[in-house]
Amino acid sequence: MSEEKKVLLSLKNVEVKFNVRGRILTAIRNVSLDVYEHESLAIVGESGSGKSVLTKTFAGMLDSNGFISNGSVIFSDDEISKTDLQLTGENEALLKQAQEMIAKHEKLEKGAVEYKAYMEKKAEIEHAQNLSLEEEEDYAARLKKLEDTIVDTKNFIQTLDRKNAEDRKTLEESTRKIEELSMERDTLVAEKDQLAKSRAESYKSNAAKAEADAKELQALLDASKAKIAAAGEETDPALIKRNQELAYEVVLSLARLSAKERRKAMPELDKALRKAFELGLDLNDDTVRTQIFESVGLRVRYEGYDEASRTLHGYTIIDCAKATSQKDWEMIRGRRIA
């Protein structure tokens, strides 16, 4: 029955960490849950298990040394999600800025096929001189497991009473365990570095292969630049419409921010847009759009434009894990999420 109801709050793989005396400690790992409309959800656990920390993530109320390191906290609220923006004054200037930003990068799309091939070839060359993606992920997973165990053991030591004989014995065993795990971690890092060094030396020893790869790489980059240089003004109606809607979405998302926050977000947004056009990503794809707008915190989706009132209509995707604007938090925390 609950699947038919509206999901008000949805957590996916939420991880919360704290910076404590120069060390990063993980308080919560991989929490996923849904809170449905007209239903209550009870979170049960012993003292110190993370109940309060978890609920503080919903409202941006973690202590200053705490942060959400992974996952999403999607808050679905129609009242604060609906956004209307009149294109006058400052907002009109912001639209012009957004259109100029997109116009600056849109030609890169014409050379995207060759540029993507160039990036793939570049990655292939780098991988030939280093570890494969699978090997990197394997080493990262093994190192993370060791680090997590070391941190957990150090945290456990803090709970021991040094005046208690049994606790002192446990302390000695735990200290030895940390030393052994630390040695295992250092050995694993050295093994990884040695493997990477061996791969690099092996690649460089084959001069003919290295020279051929370098020539192919340069040819792909030159082909991409040539297509971009030959590109004229965009004439495809579908692409013109897409770019205009993208500009509207930029305005809707940036208009929520203060002038200071906007100045900080603009370079990152510009960089993300350039990368998307350069790689020929599908800018109509919602996942791609969301990635582009990560630099502005909450993203506002464009829904329509009323020419008579010169008003943009949009819908905010409220991810509390990514909200950064104080204005957003005042709206979410003070008015609704409680």
C-alpha atoms as a PDB file:
ATOM      1  CA  MET A   1       0.000   0.000   0.000  1.00  0.00           C
ATOM      2  CA  SER A   2       2.847   2.391   0.861  1.00  0.00           C
ATOM      3  CA  GLU A   3       4.227   2.140  -2.696  1.00  0.00           C
ATOM      4  CA  GLU A   4       1.094   3.923  -3.964  1.00  0.00           C
ATOM      5  CA  LYS A   5       1.672   6.888  -1.652  1.00  0.00           C
ATOM      6  CA  LYS A   6       3.893   9.887  -2.244  1.00  0.00           C
ATOM      7  CA  VAL A   7       7.462   9.571  -0.963  1.00  0.00           C
ATOM      8  CA  LEU A   8       8.140  12.722   1.049  1.00  0.00           C
ATOM      9  CA  LEU A   9      11.743  11.965   1.929  1.00  0.00           C
ATOM     10  CA  SER A  10      14.048   9.482   0.211  1.00  0.00           C
ATOM     11  CA  LEU A  11      17.568   8.639   1.400  1.00  0.00           C
ATOM     12  CA  LYS A  12      19.892   6.674  -0.868  1.00  0.00           C
ATOM     13  CA  ASN A  13      23.262   5.361   0.370  1.00  0.00           C
ATOM     14  CA  VAL A  14      23.801   8.259   2.781  1.00  0.00           C
ATOM     15  CA  GLU A  15      27.230   8.421   4.438  1.00  0.00           C
ATOM     16  CA  VAL A  16      28.060  10.978   7.127  1.00  0.00           C
ATOM     17  CA  LYS A  17      31.567  11.803   8.324  1.00  0.00           C
ATOM     18  CA  PHE A  18      33.119  14.077  10.936  1.00  0.00           C
ATOM     19  CA  ASN A  19      36.495  15.775  11.075  1.00  0.00           C
ATOM     20  CA  VAL A  20      37.728  15.054  14.606  1.00  0.00           C
ATOM     21  CA  ARG A  21      41.146  16.332  15.660  1.00  0.00           C
ATOM     22  CA  GLY A  22      42.550  16.033  12.144  1.00  0.00           C
ATOM     23  CA  ARG A  23      41.033  12.591  11.482  1.00  0.00           C
ATOM     24  CA  ILE A  24      37.999  11.806   9.326  1.00  0.00           C
ATOM     25  CA  LEU A  25      35.629   9.495  11.204  1.00  0.00           C
ATOM     26  CA  THR A  26      32.596   7.818   9.616  1.00  0.00           C
ATOM     27  CA  ALA A  27      29.448   8.043  11.748  1.00  0.00           C
ATOM     28  CA  ILE A  28      26.897   6.582   9.323  1.00  0.00           C
ATOM     29  CA  ARG A  29      27.372   4.302   6.318  1.00  0.00           C
ATOM     30  CA  ASN A  30      25.039   3.433   3.421  1.00  0.00           C
ATOM     31  CA  VAL A  31      21.679   4.405   4.937  1.00  0.00           C
ATOM     32  CA  SER A  32      18.701   4.098   2.576  1.00  0.00           C
ATOM     33  CA  LEU A  33      15.076   4.651   3.571  1.00  0.00           C
ATOM     34  CA  ASP A  34      11.828   6.229   2.378  1.00  0.00           C
ATOM     35  CA  VAL A  35       9.348   8.237   4.443  1.00  0.00           C
ATOM     36  CA  TYR A  36       5.868   8.137   2.875  1.00  0.00           C
ATOM     37  CA  GLU A  37       3.049  10.662   3.145  1.00  0.00           C
ATOM     38  CA  HIS A  38       0.716  10.029   6.133  1.00  0.00           C
ATOM     39  CA  GLU A  39       3.030   7.358   7.580  1.00  0.00           C
ATOM     40  CA  SER A  40       5.441   7.309  10.508  1.00  0.00           C
ATOM     41  CA  LEU A  41       8.859   5.694  10.441  1.00  0.00           C
ATOM     42  CA  ALA A  42      10.530   4.661  13.695  1.00  0.00           C
ATOM     43  CA  ILE A  43      14.338   4.634  13.825  1.00  0.00           C
ATOM     44  CA  VAL A  44      15.482   2.401  16.669  1.00  0.00           C
ATOM     45  CA  GLY A  45      19.012   1.875  17.952  1.00  0.00           C
ATOM     46  CA  GLU A  46      21.226   1.987  20.999  1.00  0.00           C
ATOM     47  CA  SER A  47      22.822   5.173  22.279  1.00  0.00           C
ATOM     48  CA  GLY A  48      25.511   6.392  19.877  1.00  0.00           C
ATOM     49  CA  SER A  49      24.227   4.373  16.912  1.00  0.00           C
ATOM     50  CA  GLY A  50      23.593   7.503  14.831  1.00  0.00           C
ATOM     51  CA  LYS A  51      19.851   8.193  15.166  1.00  0.00           C
ATOM     52  CA  SER A  52      20.238  11.903  15.942  1.00  0.00           C
ATOM     53  CA  VAL A  53      23.028  12.378  13.418  1.00  0.00           C
ATOM     54  CA  LEU A  54      20.855  10.798  10.728  1.00  0.00           C
ATOM     55  CA  THR A  55      17.856  13.032  11.390  1.00  0.00           C
ATOM     56  CA  LYS A  56      20.066  16.139  11.498  1.00  0.00           C
ATOM     57  CA  THR A  57      21.125  15.423   7.910  1.00  0.00           C
ATOM     58  CA  PHE A  58      17.523  16.026   6.795  1.00  0.00           C
ATOM     59  CA  ALA A  59      17.600  19.642   7.932  1.00  0.00           C
ATOM     60  CA  GLY A  60      21.223  20.659   7.439  1.00  0.00           C
ATOM     61  CA  MET A  61      21.801  20.727  11.188  1.00  0.00           C
ATOM     62  CA  LEU A  62      24.984  18.679  11.441  1.00  0.00           C
ATOM     63  CA  ASP A  63      27.733  20.182  13.603  1.00  0.00           C
ATOM     64  CA  SER A  64      30.226  22.331  11.689  1.00  0.00           C
ATOM     65  CA  ASN A  65      32.759  19.486  11.512  1.00  0.00           C
ATOM     66  CA  GLY A  66      30.212  17.049  10.035  1.00  0.00           C
ATOM     67  CA  PHE A  67      29.377  16.537   6.376  1.00  0.00           C
ATOM     68  CA  ILE A  68      27.487  14.189   4.031  1.00  0.00           C
ATOM     69  CA  SER A  69      30.246  12.469   2.060  1.00  0.00           C
ATOM     70  CA  ASN A  70      28.018  10.315  -0.154  1.00  0.00           C
ATOM     71  CA  GLY A  71      24.414   9.689  -1.124  1.00  0.00           C
ATOM     72  CA  SER A  72      21.291  11.797  -1.644  1.00  0.00           C
ATOM     73  CA  VAL A  73      18.491  13.090   0.591  1.00  0.00           C
ATOM     74  CA  ILE A  74      15.621  13.984  -1.755  1.00  0.00           C
ATOM     75  CA  PHE A  75      12.868  16.040  -0.124  1.00  0.00           C
ATOM     76  CA  SER A  76       9.637  16.165  -2.195  1.00  0.00           C
ATOM     77  CA  ASP A  77       7.593  19.213  -1.261  1.00  0.00           C
ATOM     78  CA  ASP A  78       5.361  20.881  -3.850  1.00  0.00           C
ATOM     79  CA  GLU A  79       4.915  24.072  -1.823  1.00  0.00           C
ATOM     80  CA  ILE A  80       8.578  25.089  -1.855  1.00  0.00           C
ATOM     81  CA  SER A  81       9.559  23.269  -5.048  1.00  0.00           C
ATOM     82  CA  LYS A  82       7.426  25.306  -7.445  1.00  0.00           C
ATOM     83  CA  THR A  83       9.437  28.294  -8.686  1.00  0.00           C
ATOM     84  CA  ASP A  84       8.312  31.333 -10.701  1.00  0.00           C
ATOM     85  CA  LEU A  85      10.830  33.912 -11.903  1.00  0.00           C
ATOM     86  CA  GLN A  86      10.049  37.128 -13.759  1.00  0.00           C
ATOM     87  CA  LEU A  87      12.641  38.049 -16.407  1.00  0.00           C
ATOM     88  CA  THR A  88      13.105  41.693 -15.515  1.00  0.00           C
ATOM     89  CA  GLY A  89      16.054  43.715 -14.268  1.00  0.00           C
ATOM     90  CA  GLU A  90      18.723  41.554 -12.649  1.00  0.00           C
ATOM     91  CA  ASN A  91      17.115  38.289 -13.830  1.00  0.00           C
ATOM     92  CA  GLU A  92      17.073  39.537 -17.436  1.00  0.00           C
ATOM     93  CA  ALA A  93      20.803  40.335 -17.163  1.00  0.00           C
ATOM     94  CA  LEU A  94      21.378  36.885 -15.678  1.00  0.00           C
ATOM     95  CA  LEU A  95      19.585  35.274 -18.652  1.00  0.00           C
ATOM     96  CA  LYS A  96      21.812  37.178 -21.076  1.00  0.00           C
ATOM     97  CA  GLN A  97      24.869  35.973 -19.139  1.00  0.00           C
ATOM     98  CA  ALA A  98      23.610  32.368 -19.283  1.00  0.00           C
ATOM     99  CA  GLN A  99      22.952  32.588 -23.031  1.00  0.00           C
ATOM    100  CA  GLU A 100      26.457  33.978 -23.628  1.00  0.00           C
ATOM    101  CA  MET A 101      27.965  31.179 -21.529  1.00  0.00           C
ATOM    102  CA  ILE A 102      26.202  28.518 -23.604  1.00  0.00           C
ATOM    103  CA  ALA A 103      26.956  30.258 -26.924  1.00  0.00           C
ATOM    104  CA  LYS A 104      30.649  30.296 -25.961  1.00  0.00           C
ATOM    105  CA  HIS A 105      30.722  26.498 -25.620  1.00  0.00           C
ATOM    106  CA  GLU A 106      28.065  25.147 -28.003  1.00  0.00           C
ATOM    107  CA  LYS A 107      30.442  24.899 -31.016  1.00  0.00           C
ATOM    108  CA  LEU A 108      32.534  22.382 -29.055  1.00  0.00           C
ATOM    109  CA  GLU A 109      29.704  19.911 -29.639  1.00  0.00           C
ATOM    110  CA  LYS A 110      30.581  19.780 -33.355  1.00  0.00           C
ATOM    111  CA  GLY A 111      33.967  18.217 -32.602  1.00  0.00           C
ATOM    112  CA  ALA A 112      32.711  16.072 -29.729  1.00  0.00           C
ATOM    113  CA  VAL A 113      32.939  12.693 -31.502  1.00  0.00           C
ATOM    114  CA  GLU A 114      36.640  13.163 -32.260  1.00  0.00           C
ATOM    115  CA  TYR A 115      37.333  14.773 -28.887  1.00  0.00           C
ATOM    116  CA  LYS A 116      35.682  11.884 -27.056  1.00  0.00           C
ATOM    117  CA  ALA A 117      37.788   9.445 -29.106  1.00  0.00           C
ATOM    118  CA  TYR A 118      40.837  11.548 -28.178  1.00  0.00           C
ATOM    119  CA  MET A 119      39.977  11.323 -24.462  1.00  0.00           C
ATOM    120  CA  GLU A 120      39.379   7.561 -24.733  1.00  0.00           C
ATOM    121  CA  LYS A 121      42.742   7.082 -26.480  1.00  0.00           C
ATOM    122  CA  LYS A 122      44.440   9.257 -23.878  1.00  0.00           C
ATOM    123  CA  ALA A 123      42.893   7.148 -21.106  1.00  0.00           C
ATOM    124  CA  GLU A 124      43.994   3.972 -22.913  1.00  0.00           C
ATOM    125  CA  ILE A 125      47.598   5.236 -23.016  1.00  0.00           C
ATOM    126  CA  GLU A 126      47.484   6.227 -19.354  1.00  0.00           C
ATOM    127  CA  HIS A 127      46.062   2.845 -18.381  1.00  0.00           C
ATOM    128  CA  ALA A 128      48.773   1.083 -20.384  1.00  0.00           C
ATOM    129  CA  GLN A 129      51.286   2.851 -18.165  1.00  0.00           C
ATOM    130  CA  ASN A 130      49.352   2.341 -14.975  1.00  0.00           C
ATOM    131  CA  LEU A 131      46.757   0.165 -13.275  1.00  0.00           C
ATOM    132  CA  SER A 132      43.506  -0.748 -14.980  1.00  0.00           C
ATOM    133  CA  LEU A 133      40.240   0.733 -13.653  1.00  0.00           C
ATOM    134  CA  GLU A 134      39.345  -2.657 -12.154  1.00  0.00           C
ATOM    135  CA  GLU A 135      42.724  -2.877 -10.391  1.00  0.00           C
ATOM    136  CA  GLU A 136      42.372   0.686  -9.067  1.00  0.00           C
ATOM    137  CA  GLU A 137      38.912  -0.116  -7.697  1.00  0.00           C
ATOM    138  CA  ASP A 138      40.168  -3.364  -6.147  1.00  0.00           C
ATOM    139  CA  TYR A 139      43.062  -1.635  -4.378  1.00  0.00           C
ATOM    140  CA  ALA A 140      40.782   1.227  -3.282  1.00  0.00           C
ATOM    141  CA  ALA A 141      38.238  -1.208  -1.806  1.00  0.00           C
ATOM    142  CA  ARG A 142      40.921  -3.180   0.041  1.00  0.00           C
ATOM    143  CA  LEU A 143      42.568  -0.032   1.391  1.00  0.00           C
ATOM    144  CA  LYS A 144      39.206   1.406   2.479  1.00  0.00           C
ATOM    145  CA  LYS A 145      38.367  -1.791   4.333  1.00  0.00           C
ATOM    146  CA  LEU A 146      41.700  -1.636   6.176  1.00  0.00           C
ATOM    147  CA  GLU A 147      41.313   2.090   6.954  1.00  0.00           C
ATOM    148  CA  ASP A 148      37.752   1.599   8.227  1.00  0.00           C
ATOM    149  CA  THR A 149      38.884  -1.242  10.503  1.00  0.00           C
ATOM    150  CA  ILE A 150      41.778   0.867  11.832  1.00  0.00           C
ATOM    151  CA  VAL A 151      39.444   3.797  12.552  1.00  0.00           C
ATOM    152  CA  ASP A 152      36.844   1.535  14.195  1.00  0.00           C
ATOM    153  CA  THR A 153      39.534  -0.067  16.379  1.00  0.00           C
ATOM    154  CA  LYS A 154      40.894   3.359  17.401  1.00  0.00           C
ATOM    155  CA  ASN A 155      37.368   4.466  18.294  1.00  0.00           C
ATOM    156  CA  PHE A 156      36.877   1.269  20.320  1.00  0.00           C
ATOM    157  CA  ILE A 157      40.079   1.983  22.292  1.00  0.00           C
ATOM    158  CA  GLN A 158      38.594   5.296  23.416  1.00  0.00           C
ATOM    159  CA  THR A 159      35.854   3.388  25.254  1.00  0.00           C
ATOM    160  CA  LEU A 160      38.283   1.311  27.349  1.00  0.00           C
ATOM    161  CA  ASP A 161      39.118   2.020  30.994  1.00  0.00           C
ATOM    162  CA  ARG A 162      42.896   1.874  31.496  1.00  0.00           C
ATOM    163  CA  LYS A 163      42.429   1.307  35.221  1.00  0.00           C
ATOM    164  CA  ASN A 164      40.566  -1.928  34.566  1.00  0.00           C
ATOM    165  CA  ALA A 165      42.862  -5.001  34.204  1.00  0.00           C
ATOM    166  CA  GLU A 166      40.647  -6.700  31.618  1.00  0.00           C
ATOM    167  CA  ASP A 167      40.350  -3.474  29.587  1.00  0.00           C
ATOM    168  CA  ARG A 168      44.129  -3.007  29.715  1.00  0.00           C
ATOM    169  CA  LYS A 169      44.566  -6.455  28.184  1.00  0.00           C
ATOM    170  CA  THR A 170      42.021  -5.608  25.473  1.00  0.00           C
ATOM    171  CA  LEU A 171      43.847  -2.315  24.902  1.00  0.00           C
ATOM    172  CA  GLU A 172      47.139  -4.136  24.293  1.00  0.00           C
ATOM    173  CA  GLU A 173      45.476  -6.553  21.861  1.00  0.00           C
ATOM    174  CA  SER A 174      43.739  -3.707  20.016  1.00  0.00           C
ATOM    175  CA  THR A 175      46.961  -1.697  19.798  1.00  0.00           C
ATOM    176  CA  ARG A 176      48.752  -4.693  18.282  1.00  0.00           C
ATOM    177  CA  LYS A 177      45.878  -5.128  15.858  1.00  0.00           C
ATOM    178  CA  ILE A 178      46.202  -1.492  14.728  1.00  0.00           C
ATOM    179  CA  GLU A 179      49.953  -1.924  14.192  1.00  0.00           C
ATOM    180  CA  GLU A 180      49.389  -5.088  12.128  1.00  0.00           C
ATOM    181  CA  LEU A 181      46.658  -3.457  10.069  1.00  0.00           C
ATOM    182  CA  SER A 182      48.814  -0.370   9.491  1.00  0.00           C
ATOM    183  CA  MET A 183      51.689  -2.555   8.252  1.00  0.00           C
ATOM    184  CA  GLU A 184      49.274  -4.430   5.977  1.00  0.00           C
ATOM    185  CA  ARG A 185      48.002  -1.103   4.594  1.00  0.00           C
ATOM    186  CA  ASP A 186      51.551   0.192   3.957  1.00  0.00           C
ATOM    187  CA  THR A 187      52.478  -3.083   2.213  1.00  0.00           C
ATOM    188  CA  LEU A 188      49.395  -2.828   0.001  1.00  0.00           C
ATOM    189  CA  VAL A 189      50.223   0.784  -0.954  1.00  0.00           C
ATOM    190  CA  ALA A 190      53.816  -0.212  -1.805  1.00  0.00           C
ATOM    191  CA  GLU A 191      52.545  -3.152  -3.884  1.00  0.00           C
ATOM    192  CA  LYS A 192      50.208  -0.852  -5.819  1.00  0.00           C
ATOM    193  CA  ASP A 193      52.966   1.717  -6.461  1.00  0.00           C
ATOM    194  CA  GLN A 194      55.403  -0.970  -7.632  1.00  0.00           C
ATOM    195  CA  LEU A 195      52.874  -2.427 -10.061  1.00  0.00           C
ATOM    196  CA  ALA A 196      52.193   1.040 -11.524  1.00  0.00           C
ATOM    197  CA  LYS A 197      55.934   1.711 -11.873  1.00  0.00           C
ATOM    198  CA  SER A 198      56.462  -1.635 -13.624  1.00  0.00           C
ATOM    199  CA  ARG A 199      53.645  -0.913 -16.119  1.00  0.00           C
ATOM    200  CA  ALA A 200      55.079   2.537 -16.943  1.00  0.00           C
ATOM    201  CA  GLU A 201      58.567   1.145 -17.561  1.00  0.00           C
ATOM    202  CA  SER A 202      57.186  -1.651 -19.754  1.00  0.00           C
ATOM    203  CA  TYR A 203      55.230   0.837 -21.936  1.00  0.00           C
ATOM    204  CA  LYS A 204      58.197   3.199 -22.382  1.00  0.00           C
ATOM    205  CA  SER A 205      60.445   0.321 -23.433  1.00  0.00           C
ATOM    206  CA  ASN A 206      58.278  -0.172 -26.563  1.00  0.00           C
ATOM    207  CA  ALA A 207      59.276   3.033 -28.407  1.00  0.00           C
ATOM    208  CA  ALA A 208      57.423   2.186 -31.641  1.00  0.00           C
ATOM    209  CA  LYS A 209      54.120   1.668 -29.822  1.00  0.00           C
ATOM    210  CA  ALA A 210      54.542   4.869 -27.814  1.00  0.00           C
ATOM    211  CA  GLU A 211      55.276   6.898 -30.974  1.00  0.00           C
ATOM    212  CA  ALA A 212      52.279   5.453 -32.851  1.00  0.00           C
ATOM    213  CA  ASP A 213      49.976   6.203 -29.907  1.00  0.00           C
ATOM    214  CA  ALA A 214      51.241   9.790 -29.701  1.00  0.00           C
ATOM    215  CA  LYS A 215      50.573  10.356 -33.435  1.00  0.00           C
ATOM    216  CA  GLU A 216      47.052   8.911 -33.214  1.00  0.00           C
ATOM    217  CA  LEU A 217      46.313  11.043 -30.175  1.00  0.00           C
ATOM    218  CA  GLN A 218      47.409  14.247 -31.930  1.00  0.00           C
ATOM    219  CA  ALA A 219      45.446  13.366 -35.096  1.00  0.00           C
ATOM    220  CA  LEU A 220      42.209  12.955 -33.111  1.00  0.00           C
ATOM    221  CA  LEU A 221      42.718  16.271 -31.316  1.00  0.00           C
ATOM    222  CA  ASP A 222      43.479  18.070 -34.605  1.00  0.00           C
ATOM    223  CA  ALA A 223      40.345  16.588 -36.221  1.00  0.00           C
ATOM    224  CA  SER A 224      38.199  17.810 -33.311  1.00  0.00           C
ATOM    225  CA  LYS A 225      39.648  21.332 -33.505  1.00  0.00           C
ATOM    226  CA  ALA A 226      39.121  21.430 -37.284  1.00  0.00           C
ATOM    227  CA  LYS A 227      35.413  20.571 -36.975  1.00  0.00           C
ATOM    228  CA  ILE A 228      34.926  23.195 -34.248  1.00  0.00           C
ATOM    229  CA  ALA A 229      36.707  25.833 -36.337  1.00  0.00           C
ATOM    230  CA  ALA A 230      34.508  25.019 -39.373  1.00  0.00           C
ATOM    231  CA  ALA A 231      31.248  25.159 -37.407  1.00  0.00           C
ATOM    232  CA  GLY A 232      28.912  28.034 -38.265  1.00  0.00           C
ATOM    233  CA  GLU A 233      25.961  29.437 -36.347  1.00  0.00           C
ATOM    234  CA  GLU A 234      23.605  26.762 -34.992  1.00  0.00           C
ATOM    235  CA  THR A 235      20.617  26.204 -37.329  1.00  0.00           C
ATOM    236  CA  ASP A 236      19.087  22.986 -35.964  1.00  0.00           C
ATOM    237  CA  PRO A 237      15.728  24.062 -34.371  1.00  0.00           C
ATOM    238  CA  ALA A 238      15.882  21.215 -31.823  1.00  0.00           C
ATOM    239  CA  LEU A 239      19.355  22.244 -30.632  1.00  0.00           C
ATOM    240  CA  ILE A 240      18.412  25.943 -30.543  1.00  0.00           C
ATOM    241  CA  LYS A 241      15.376  25.072 -28.388  1.00  0.00           C
ATOM    242  CA  ARG A 242      17.463  22.821 -26.128  1.00  0.00           C
ATOM    243  CA  ASN A 243      20.090  25.535 -25.600  1.00  0.00           C
ATOM    244  CA  GLN A 244      17.435  28.131 -24.794  1.00  0.00           C
ATOM    245  CA  GLU A 245      15.794  25.847 -22.242  1.00  0.00           C
ATOM    246  CA  LEU A 246      19.216  25.114 -20.756  1.00  0.00           C
ATOM    247  CA  ALA A 247      19.781  28.879 -20.399  1.00  0.00           C
ATOM    248  CA  TYR A 248      16.405  29.198 -18.653  1.00  0.00           C
ATOM    249  CA  GLU A 249      17.401  26.414 -16.270  1.00  0.00           C
ATOM    250  CA  VAL A 250      20.698  28.163 -15.530  1.00  0.00           C
ATOM    251  CA  VAL A 251      18.818  31.371 -14.642  1.00  0.00           C
ATOM    252  CA  LEU A 252      16.265  29.585 -12.461  1.00  0.00           C
ATOM    253  CA  SER A 253      19.020  27.772 -10.558  1.00  0.00           C
ATOM    254  CA  LEU A 254      21.331  30.774 -10.129  1.00  0.00           C
ATOM    255  CA  ALA A 255      18.577  33.231  -9.175  1.00  0.00           C
ATOM    256  CA  ARG A 256      18.107  31.401  -5.856  1.00  0.00           C
ATOM    257  CA  LEU A 257      21.647  32.209  -4.795  1.00  0.00           C
ATOM    258  CA  SER A 258      23.001  35.338  -3.150  1.00  0.00           C
ATOM    259  CA  ALA A 259      25.359  37.514  -5.213  1.00  0.00           C
ATOM    260  CA  LYS A 260      28.358  36.063  -3.319  1.00  0.00           C
ATOM    261  CA  GLU A 261      27.202  32.455  -3.824  1.00  0.00           C
ATOM    262  CA  ARG A 262      26.547  33.161  -7.498  1.00  0.00           C
ATOM    263  CA  ARG A 263      30.053  34.533  -8.080  1.00  0.00           C
ATOM    264  CA  LYS A 264      31.465  31.365  -6.543  1.00  0.00           C
ATOM    265  CA  ALA A 265      29.183  29.024  -8.521  1.00  0.00           C
ATOM    266  CA  MET A 266      29.515  30.666 -11.957  1.00  0.00           C
ATOM    267  CA  PRO A 267      33.076  29.462 -12.807  1.00  0.00           C
ATOM    268  CA  GLU A 268      32.204  25.889 -11.790  1.00  0.00           C
ATOM    269  CA  LEU A 269      28.977  25.934 -13.783  1.00  0.00           C
ATOM    270  CA  ASP A 270      30.831  27.364 -16.793  1.00  0.00           C
ATOM    271  CA  LYS A 271      33.415  24.557 -16.518  1.00  0.00           C
ATOM    272  CA  ALA A 272      30.693  21.888 -16.259  1.00  0.00           C
ATOM    273  CA  LEU A 273      28.846  23.239 -19.311  1.00  0.00           C
ATOM    274  CA  ARG A 274      32.058  23.338 -21.343  1.00  0.00           C
ATOM    275  CA  LYS A 275      32.833  19.716 -20.453  1.00  0.00           C
ATOM    276  CA  ALA A 276      29.302  18.578 -21.362  1.00  0.00           C
ATOM    277  CA  PHE A 277      29.443  20.212 -24.823  1.00  0.00           C
ATOM    278  CA  GLU A 278      33.055  19.108 -25.367  1.00  0.00           C
ATOM    279  CA  LEU A 279      32.192  15.445 -24.737  1.00  0.00           C
ATOM    280  CA  GLY A 280      28.912  15.609 -26.663  1.00  0.00           C
ATOM    281  CA  LEU A 281      26.859  14.548 -23.658  1.00  0.00           C
ATOM    282  CA  ASP A 282      23.093  14.311 -24.078  1.00  0.00           C
ATOM    283  CA  LEU A 283      22.032  17.659 -22.621  1.00  0.00           C
ATOM    284  CA  ASN A 284      18.390  16.570 -22.679  1.00  0.00           C
ATOM    285  CA  ASP A 285      19.217  13.729 -20.291  1.00  0.00           C
ATOM    286  CA  ASP A 286      18.135  14.502 -16.718  1.00  0.00           C
ATOM    287  CA  THR A 287      21.149  12.789 -15.141  1.00  0.00           C
ATOM    288  CA  VAL A 288      23.556  14.841 -17.262  1.00  0.00           C
ATOM    289  CA  ARG A 289      21.710  18.065 -16.374  1.00  0.00           C
ATOM    290  CA  THR A 290      21.862  17.210 -12.664  1.00  0.00           C
ATOM    291  CA  GLN A 291      25.628  16.647 -12.856  1.00  0.00           C
ATOM    292  CA  ILE A 292      26.092  20.005 -14.592  1.00  0.00           C
ATOM    293  CA  PHE A 293      24.191  21.842 -11.873  1.00  0.00           C
ATOM    294  CA  GLU A 294      26.019  20.247  -8.919  1.00  0.00           C
ATOM    295  CA  SER A 295      28.049  23.436  -8.472  1.00  0.00           C
ATOM    296  CA  VAL A 296      24.919  25.483  -7.657  1.00  0.00           C
ATOM    297  CA  GLY A 297      23.558  23.113  -4.999  1.00  0.00           C
ATOM    298  CA  LEU A 298      19.850  22.678  -5.614  1.00  0.00           C
ATOM    299  CA  ARG A 299      18.826  22.482  -9.255  1.00  0.00           C
ATOM    300  CA  VAL A 300      15.655  24.080 -10.659  1.00  0.00           C
ATOM    301  CA  ARG A 301      14.152  22.276 -13.657  1.00  0.00           C
ATOM    302  CA  TYR A 302      12.643  24.448 -16.370  1.00  0.00           C
ATOM    303  CA  GLU A 303       8.923  23.761 -16.949  1.00  0.00           C
ATOM    304  CA  GLY A 304       7.700  26.620 -19.122  1.00  0.00           C
ATOM    305  CA  TYR A 305       7.769  30.295 -20.068  1.00  0.00           C
ATOM    306  CA  ASP A 306       4.833  32.718 -20.011  1.00  0.00           C
ATOM    307  CA  GLU A 307       5.616  35.360 -22.659  1.00  0.00           C
ATOM    308  CA  ALA A 308       2.799  37.688 -21.570  1.00  0.00           C
ATOM    309  CA  SER A 309       4.164  38.113 -18.043  1.00  0.00           C
ATOM    310  CA  ARG A 310       7.750  37.245 -19.032  1.00  0.00           C
ATOM    311  CA  THR A 311       7.802  34.633 -16.272  1.00  0.00           C
ATOM    312  CA  LEU A 312       9.784  31.410 -16.113  1.00  0.00           C
ATOM    313  CA  HIS A 313       8.218  28.437 -14.345  1.00  0.00           C
ATOM    314  CA  GLY A 314      10.302  25.692 -12.759  1.00  0.00           C
ATOM    315  CA  TYR A 315      10.497  22.925 -10.182  1.00  0.00           C
ATOM    316  CA  THR A 316      13.293  22.589  -7.627  1.00  0.00           C
ATOM    317  CA  ILE A 317      14.916  19.201  -7.074  1.00  0.00           C
ATOM    318  CA  ILE A 318      15.589  19.401  -3.345  1.00  0.00           C
ATOM    319  CA  ASP A 319      18.575  17.232  -2.429  1.00  0.00           C
ATOM    320  CA  CYS A 320      19.374  18.113   1.185  1.00  0.00           C
ATOM    321  CA  ALA A 321      22.756  16.420   0.784  1.00  0.00           C
ATOM    322  CA  LYS A 322      23.769  19.060  -1.764  1.00  0.00           C
ATOM    323  CA  ALA A 323      21.957  22.192  -0.565  1.00  0.00           C
ATOM    324  CA  THR A 324      24.498  24.925   0.182  1.00  0.00           C
ATOM    325  CA  SER A 325      22.580  28.202   0.097  1.00  0.00           C
ATOM    326  CA  GLN A 326      21.506  29.653   3.459  1.00  0.00           C
ATOM    327  CA  LYS A 327      18.367  30.960   1.743  1.00  0.00           C
ATOM    328  CA  ASP A 328      17.482  27.413   0.666  1.00  0.00           C
ATOM    329  CA  TRP A 329      18.033  26.029   4.157  1.00  0.00           C
ATOM    330  CA  GLU A 330      15.872  28.725   5.750  1.00  0.00           C
ATOM    331  CA  MET A 331      13.071  27.768   3.368  1.00  0.00           C
ATOM    332  CA  ILE A 332      13.500  23.974   3.845  1.00  0.00           C
ATOM    333  CA  ARG A 333      14.252  23.869   7.553  1.00  0.00           C
ATOM    334  CA  GLY A 334      12.114  26.680   8.889  1.00  0.00           C
ATOM    335  CA  ARG A 335       8.985  26.261   6.832  1.00  0.00           C
ATOM    336  CA  ARG A 336       8.609  22.646   5.824  1.00  0.00           C
ATOM    337  CA  ILE A 337      10.829  19.710   6.742  1.00  0.00           C
ATOM    338  CA  ALA A 338       9.964  19.606  10.447  1.00  0.00           C
END
